[in-house]
PDB file of N, CA and C in Angstrom:
ATOM      1  N   MET A   1      66.262  70.975 110.913  1.00  0.00           N
ATOM      2  CA  MET A   1      66.681  72.359 110.635  1.00  0.00           C
ATOM      3  C   MET A   1      65.424  73.180 110.820  1.00  0.00           C
ATOM      4  N   SER A   2      64.319  72.727 110.458  1.00  0.00           N
ATOM      5  CA  SER A   2      62.968  73.516 110.465  1.00  0.00           C
ATOM      6  C   SER A   2      62.633  73.882 111.917  1.00  0.00           C
ATOM      7  N   GLN A   3      63.033  72.863 112.855  1.00  0.00           N
ATOM      8  CA  GLN A   3      62.693  73.213 114.156  1.00  0.00           C
ATOM      9  C   GLN A   3      63.550  74.294 114.778  1.00  0.00           C
ATOM     10  N   ILE A   4      64.945  74.321 114.367  1.00  0.00           N
ATOM     11  CA  ILE A   4      65.810  75.390 114.986  1.00  0.00           C
ATOM     12  C   ILE A   4      65.390  76.683 114.308  1.00  0.00           C
ATOM     13  N   ASP A   5      65.051  76.639 113.054  1.00  0.00           N
ATOM     14  CA  ASP A   5      64.691  77.941 112.348  1.00  0.00           C
ATOM     15  C   ASP A   5      63.383  78.451 113.071  1.00  0.00           C
ATOM     16  N   LYS A   6      62.471  77.657 113.402  1.00  0.00           N
ATOM     17  CA  LYS A   6      61.236  78.009 114.102  1.00  0.00           C
ATOM     18  C   LYS A   6      61.616  78.631 115.533  1.00  0.00           C
ATOM     19  N   GLU A   7      62.504  77.994 116.133  1.00  0.00           N
ATOM     20  CA  GLU A   7      62.812  78.510 117.461  1.00  0.00           C
ATOM     21  C   GLU A   7      63.477  79.920 117.394  1.00  0.00           C
ATOM     22  N   ILE A   8      64.338  80.094 116.407  1.00  0.00           N
ATOM     23  CA  ILE A   8      65.028  81.375 116.230  1.00  0.00           C
ATOM     24  C   ILE A   8      64.055  82.396 115.808  1.00  0.00           C
ATOM     25  N   ARG A   9      63.199  82.090 115.027  1.00  0.00           N
ATOM     26  CA  ARG A   9      62.081  83.018 114.501  1.00  0.00           C
ATOM     27  C   ARG A   9      61.219  83.440 115.739  1.00  0.00           C
ATOM     28  N   ARG A  10      60.867  82.360 116.544  1.00  0.00           N
ATOM     29  CA  ARG A  10      59.992  82.606 117.681  1.00  0.00           C
ATOM     30  C   ARG A  10      60.616  83.661 118.702  1.00  0.00           C
ATOM     31  N   PHE A  11      61.884  83.417 118.901  1.00  0.00           N
ATOM     32  CA  PHE A  11      62.570  84.405 119.885  1.00  0.00           C
ATOM     33  C   PHE A  11      62.662  85.778 119.197  1.00  0.00           C
ATOM     34  N   THR A  12      62.619  85.879 117.927  1.00  0.00           N
ATOM     35  CA  THR A  12      62.701  87.201 117.268  1.00  0.00           C
ATOM     36  C   THR A  12      61.342  87.907 117.241  1.00  0.00           C
ATOM     37  N   VAL A  13      60.197  87.026 117.264  1.00  0.00           N
ATOM     38  CA  VAL A  13      58.917  87.560 117.140  1.00  0.00           C
ATOM     39  C   VAL A  13      58.307  87.760 118.440  1.00  0.00           C
ATOM     40  N   GLU A  14      58.693  86.992 119.519  1.00  0.00           N
ATOM     41  CA  GLU A  14      58.163  87.142 120.829  1.00  0.00           C
ATOM     42  C   GLU A  14      58.219  88.506 121.384  1.00  0.00           C
ATOM     43  N   PRO A  15      59.483  89.179 121.467  1.00  0.00           N
ATOM     44  CA  PRO A  15      59.597  90.543 121.954  1.00  0.00           C
ATOM     45  C   PRO A  15      58.888  91.501 121.198  1.00  0.00           C
ATOM     46  N   LEU A  16      58.462  91.287 119.960  1.00  0.00           N
ATOM     47  CA  LEU A  16      57.737  92.257 119.149  1.00  0.00           C
ATOM     48  C   LEU A  16      56.294  92.149 119.538  1.00  0.00           C
ATOM     49  N   GLU A  17      55.764  91.108 119.985  1.00  0.00           N
ATOM     50  CA  GLU A  17      54.450  90.892 120.476  1.00  0.00           C
ATOM     51  C   GLU A  17      54.320  91.424 121.982  1.00  0.00           C
ATOM     52  N   LEU A  18      55.405  91.181 122.651  1.00  0.00           N
ATOM     53  CA  LEU A  18      55.152  91.661 124.155  1.00  0.00           C
ATOM     54  C   LEU A  18      55.186  93.119 124.339  1.00  0.00           C
ATOM     55  N   PRO A  19      54.263  93.638 125.003  1.00  0.00           N
ATOM     56  CA  PRO A  19      54.127  95.170 125.211  1.00  0.00           C
ATOM     57  C   PRO A  19      55.205  95.711 126.202  1.00  0.00           C
ATOM     58  N   VAL A  20      56.494  95.744 125.759  1.00  0.00           N
ATOM     59  CA  VAL A  20      57.661  96.067 126.581  1.00  0.00           C
ATOM     60  C   VAL A  20      58.022  97.482 126.163  1.00  0.00           C
ATOM     61  N   PRO A  21      58.069  98.451 127.088  1.00  0.00           N
ATOM     62  CA  PRO A  21      58.565  99.789 126.653  1.00  0.00           C
ATOM     63  C   PRO A  21      59.949  99.911 126.392  1.00  0.00           C
ATOM     64  N   LEU A  22      60.318  99.717 125.075  1.00  0.00           N
ATOM     65  CA  LEU A  22      61.805  99.808 124.792  1.00  0.00           C
ATOM     66  C   LEU A  22      62.160 101.196 124.603  1.00  0.00           C
ATOM     67  N   LYS A  23      63.139 101.682 125.533  1.00  0.00           N
ATOM     68  CA  LYS A  23      63.573 103.076 125.553  1.00  0.00           C
ATOM     69  C   LYS A  23      64.762 103.327 124.526  1.00  0.00           C
ATOM     70  N   MET A  24      65.409 102.147 124.123  1.00  0.00           N
ATOM     71  CA  MET A  24      66.542 102.187 123.217  1.00  0.00           C
ATOM     72  C   MET A  24      66.103 101.580 121.908  1.00  0.00           C
ATOM     73  N   PRO A  25      66.477 102.271 120.888  1.00  0.00           N
ATOM     74  CA  PRO A  25      66.241 101.865 119.405  1.00  0.00           C
ATOM     75  C   PRO A  25      67.044 100.435 119.163  1.00  0.00           C
ATOM     76  N   VAL A  26      66.269  99.404 119.492  1.00  0.00           N
ATOM     77  CA  VAL A  26      66.800  98.031 119.229  1.00  0.00           C
ATOM     78  C   VAL A  26      66.415  97.495 117.845  1.00  0.00           C
ATOM     79  N   PRO A  27      67.355  97.132 117.075  1.00  0.00           N
ATOM     80  CA  PRO A  27      67.074  96.634 115.689  1.00  0.00           C
ATOM     81  C   PRO A  27      66.499  95.271 115.818  1.00  0.00           C
ATOM     82  N   LEU A  28      65.092  95.195 116.000  1.00  0.00           N
ATOM     83  CA  LEU A  28      64.470  93.890 116.034  1.00  0.00           C
ATOM     84  C   LEU A  28      64.208  93.281 114.588  1.00  0.00           C
ATOM     85  N   GLY A  29      65.003  92.329 114.216  1.00  0.00           N
ATOM     86  CA  GLY A  29      64.884  91.807 112.876  1.00  0.00           C
ATOM     87  C   GLY A  29      65.364  90.386 112.902  1.00  0.00           C
ATOM     88  N   PRO A  30      65.415  89.812 111.749  1.00  0.00           N
ATOM     89  CA  PRO A  30      65.918  88.423 111.465  1.00  0.00           C
ATOM     90  C   PRO A  30      67.332  88.164 111.814  1.00  0.00           C
ATOM     91  N   ASP A  31      68.041  89.263 111.827  1.00  0.00           N
ATOM     92  CA  ASP A  31      69.513  89.184 112.131  1.00  0.00           C
ATOM     93  C   ASP A  31      69.797  89.615 113.550  1.00  0.00           C
ATOM     94  N   TYR A  32      68.770  89.942 114.266  1.00  0.00           N
ATOM     95  CA  TYR A  32      68.933  90.392 115.676  1.00  0.00           C
ATOM     96  C   TYR A  32      69.275  89.213 116.689  1.00  0.00           C
ATOM     97  N   ILE A  33      70.339  89.294 117.433  1.00  0.00           N
ATOM     98  CA  ILE A  33      70.682  88.363 118.327  1.00  0.00           C
ATOM     99  C   ILE A  33      70.819  88.893 119.659  1.00  0.00           C
ATOM    100  N   PRO A  34      69.749  88.561 120.601  1.00  0.00           N
ATOM    101  CA  PRO A  34      69.649  89.049 121.979  1.00  0.00           C
ATOM    102  C   PRO A  34      70.884  88.615 122.817  1.00  0.00           C
ATOM    103  N   ASN A  35      71.540  87.543 122.382  1.00  0.00           N
ATOM    104  CA  ASN A  35      72.717  86.995 123.083  1.00  0.00           C
ATOM    105  C   ASN A  35      73.994  87.947 122.881  1.00  0.00           C
ATOM    106  N   ASP A  36      74.001  88.666 121.828  1.00  0.00           N
ATOM    107  CA  ASP A  36      75.075  89.457 121.423  1.00  0.00           C
ATOM    108  C   ASP A  36      75.087  90.814 122.089  1.00  0.00           C
ATOM    109  N   ASN A  37      73.761  91.307 122.215  1.00  0.00           N
ATOM    110  CA  ASN A  37      73.602  92.643 122.804  1.00  0.00           C
ATOM    111  C   ASN A  37      72.961  92.483 124.233  1.00  0.00           C
ATOM    112  N   PRO A  38      73.565  92.531 125.319  1.00  0.00           N
ATOM    113  CA  PRO A  38      73.109  92.443 126.603  1.00  0.00           C
ATOM    114  C   PRO A  38      72.209  93.655 127.012  1.00  0.00           C
ATOM    115  N   VAL A  39      70.899  93.488 126.810  1.00  0.00           N
ATOM    116  CA  VAL A  39      69.977  94.708 127.060  1.00  0.00           C
ATOM    117  C   VAL A  39      69.368  94.403 128.365  1.00  0.00           C
ATOM    118  N   GLU A  40      69.408  95.405 129.248  1.00  0.00           N
ATOM    119  CA  GLU A  40      68.875  95.397 130.630  1.00  0.00           C
ATOM    120  C   GLU A  40      67.407  95.637 130.567  1.00  0.00           C
ATOM    121  N   ILE A  41      66.578  94.622 130.603  1.00  0.00           N
ATOM    122  CA  ILE A  41      65.147  94.814 130.584  1.00  0.00           C
ATOM    123  C   ILE A  41      64.562  94.135 131.934  1.00  0.00           C
ATOM    124  N   PRO A  42      64.348  94.863 133.038  1.00  0.00           N
ATOM    125  CA  PRO A  42      63.697  94.350 134.188  1.00  0.00           C
ATOM    126  C   PRO A  42      62.391  93.837 133.910  1.00  0.00           C
ATOM    127  N   GLU A  43      62.079  92.515 133.608  1.00  0.00           N
ATOM    128  CA  GLU A  43      60.755  92.017 133.368  1.00  0.00           C
ATOM    129  C   GLU A  43      60.047  91.722 134.734  1.00  0.00           C
ATOM    130  N   GLU A  44      60.812  91.158 135.700  1.00  0.00           N
ATOM    131  CA  GLU A  44      60.148  90.743 136.914  1.00  0.00           C
ATOM    132  C   GLU A  44      60.068  91.962 137.741  1.00  0.00           C
ATOM    133  N   GLU A  45      60.806  92.917 137.776  1.00  0.00           N
ATOM    134  CA  GLU A  45      60.674  94.148 138.567  1.00  0.00           C
ATOM    135  C   GLU A  45      59.891  95.280 137.837  1.00  0.00           C
ATOM    136  N   PRO A  46      58.676  95.586 138.440  1.00  0.00           N
ATOM    137  CA  PRO A  46      57.829  96.626 137.891  1.00  0.00           C
ATOM    138  C   PRO A  46      58.523  98.058 138.007  1.00  0.00           C
ATOM    139  N   VAL A  47      58.700  98.699 136.805  1.00  0.00           N
ATOM    140  CA  VAL A  47      59.380  99.960 136.789  1.00  0.00           C
ATOM    141  C   VAL A  47      58.382 100.979 136.822  1.00  0.00           C
ATOM    142  N   ASN A  48      58.333 101.801 137.959  1.00  0.00           N
ATOM    143  CA  ASN A  48      57.422 102.952 138.073  1.00  0.00           C
ATOM    144  C   ASN A  48      58.095 104.228 138.052  1.00  0.00           C
ATOM    145  N   ALA A  49      58.382 104.700 136.899  1.00  0.00           N
ATOM    146  CA  ALA A  49      59.059 106.073 136.738  1.00  0.00           C
ATOM    147  C   ALA A  49      58.365 106.972 135.881  1.00  0.00           C
TER     148      ALA A  49
END
């Protein structure tokens, strides 16, 4: 159980540490599930706008 809890926490903390320009107010918290909300974030494509 600890391993799973760590994995879930890691996925919730990773996006917070990554310098990604979030244009939409995304509720990044312990209850935030990225699989539930399909957010379009082109990480591989450099967005020059």
